[in-house]
Amino acid sequence: MRAAFAAVVSTGNISNRDLEALFRARLTLIVTGFASSSFVELERDSIVIHA
């Protein structure tokens, strides 16, 4: 059975270009977050890795 992973993106109103830039800039942190947790939240100014 595969583990379930979830991501919440809570950036508010943001253009697609800015959203893509946000993901690109934080991709390593997102991947690292999923290595230790199954729930990661991406905000405009931070990443929250839920235990």
C-alpha atoms as a PDB file:
ATOM      1  CA  MET A   1       0.000   0.000   0.000  1.00  0.00           C
ATOM      2  CA  ARG A   2       1.332   3.430  -0.950  1.00  0.00           C
ATOM      3  CA  ALA A   3       1.470   6.273   1.524  1.00  0.00           C
ATOM      4  CA  ALA A   4      -0.849   9.183   0.850  1.00  0.00           C
ATOM      5  CA  PHE A   5       0.663  12.611   0.376  1.00  0.00           C
ATOM      6  CA  ALA A   6      -1.114  15.949   0.399  1.00  0.00           C
ATOM      7  CA  ALA A   7      -0.055  19.477  -0.382  1.00  0.00           C
ATOM      8  CA  VAL A   8      -1.986  22.629   0.346  1.00  0.00           C
ATOM      9  CA  VAL A   9      -1.154  25.729  -1.636  1.00  0.00           C
ATOM     10  CA  SER A  10      -2.391  28.808   0.205  1.00  0.00           C
ATOM     11  CA  THR A  11      -0.899  31.766  -1.605  1.00  0.00           C
ATOM     12  CA  GLY A  12      -3.992  33.870  -2.093  1.00  0.00           C
ATOM     13  CA  ASN A  13      -4.501  35.575  -5.431  1.00  0.00           C
ATOM     14  CA  ILE A  14      -1.299  35.001  -7.405  1.00  0.00           C
ATOM     15  CA  SER A  15      -0.534  34.852 -11.113  1.00  0.00           C
ATOM     16  CA  ASN A  16       0.405  31.550 -12.716  1.00  0.00           C
ATOM     17  CA  ARG A  17       3.850  32.939 -13.467  1.00  0.00           C
ATOM     18  CA  ASP A  18       4.412  33.889  -9.819  1.00  0.00           C
ATOM     19  CA  LEU A  19       3.044  30.530  -8.642  1.00  0.00           C
ATOM     20  CA  GLU A  20       5.431  28.664 -10.925  1.00  0.00           C
ATOM     21  CA  ALA A  21       8.332  30.803  -9.687  1.00  0.00           C
ATOM     22  CA  LEU A  22       7.333  30.040  -6.100  1.00  0.00           C
ATOM     23  CA  PHE A  23       7.333  26.284  -6.770  1.00  0.00           C
ATOM     24  CA  ARG A  24      10.648  26.429  -8.610  1.00  0.00           C
ATOM     25  CA  ALA A  25      12.310  28.439  -5.849  1.00  0.00           C
ATOM     26  CA  ARG A  26      11.117  26.067  -3.126  1.00  0.00           C
ATOM     27  CA  LEU A  27      11.100  22.726  -4.921  1.00  0.00           C
ATOM     28  CA  THR A  28      13.988  21.302  -2.895  1.00  0.00           C
ATOM     29  CA  LEU A  29      12.258  22.240   0.369  1.00  0.00           C
ATOM     30  CA  ILE A  30       8.981  20.712  -0.831  1.00  0.00           C
ATOM     31  CA  VAL A  31      10.685  17.424  -1.736  1.00  0.00           C
ATOM     32  CA  THR A  32      12.560  17.413   1.570  1.00  0.00           C
ATOM     33  CA  GLY A  33       9.291  18.059   3.385  1.00  0.00           C
ATOM     34  CA  PHE A  34       7.636  15.057   1.762  1.00  0.00           C
ATOM     35  CA  ALA A  35      10.620  12.906   2.752  1.00  0.00           C
ATOM     36  CA  SER A  36       9.735  13.448   6.412  1.00  0.00           C
ATOM     37  CA  SER A  37       5.992  14.140   6.311  1.00  0.00           C
ATOM     38  CA  SER A  38       2.931  13.334   4.247  1.00  0.00           C
ATOM     39  CA  PHE A  39       1.407  16.829   4.487  1.00  0.00           C
ATOM     40  CA  VAL A  40       3.166  19.963   3.252  1.00  0.00           C
ATOM     41  CA  GLU A  41       1.666  23.434   3.048  1.00  0.00           C
ATOM     42  CA  LEU A  42       3.105  26.011   0.658  1.00  0.00           C
ATOM     43  CA  GLU A  43       2.414  29.616   1.524  1.00  0.00           C
ATOM     44  CA  ARG A  44       3.621  32.754  -0.185  1.00  0.00           C
ATOM     45  CA  ASP A  45       6.342  33.385   2.394  1.00  0.00           C
ATOM     46  CA  SER A  46       6.889  29.987   3.990  1.00  0.00           C
ATOM     47  CA  ILE A  47       6.550  26.236   3.868  1.00  0.00           C
ATOM     48  CA  VAL A  48       4.866  24.373   6.721  1.00  0.00           C
ATOM     49  CA  ILE A  49       5.757  20.709   7.145  1.00  0.00           C
ATOM     50  CA  HIS A  50       3.098  19.064   9.291  1.00  0.00           C
ATOM     51  CA  ALA A  51       4.042  16.135  11.500  1.00  0.00           C
END
